[in-house]
Amino acid sequence: MPVKTMRDWEPTPYRDCKWIVRDPDLLGGKLAVRGTRLSVSFVLACLAEGMSTKEIARTYGPFPQEAIPEIMKVAAELLDSGHVAA
């Protein structure tokens, strides 16, 4: 079996998301933002600390600002799931 290169590797989309991916080979399987090595939880923490998307991109590398609504939607869905203690 040939070894995949990074160019051949495509992370698995999370549910029907365009920007959110989950793959065991990326950040240990945490939800991540496509095209980055930023986890969804890290981006949410940055936003909670008052960072703008431009500051996140400037500090941590290119970041698709278009991903923010999807990040917020996924976070809300996960918080509303039955697996989160109230």
Foldseek 3Di string as FASTA:
>chain_A
DDDDDPVRDDFAADDPDDFWGADCVQPNRAIPGPPFNHHLVNVVVCVVVPDDPVNCCVPRNDDPPVCVVVSVVVVVVVCPDPVHDD
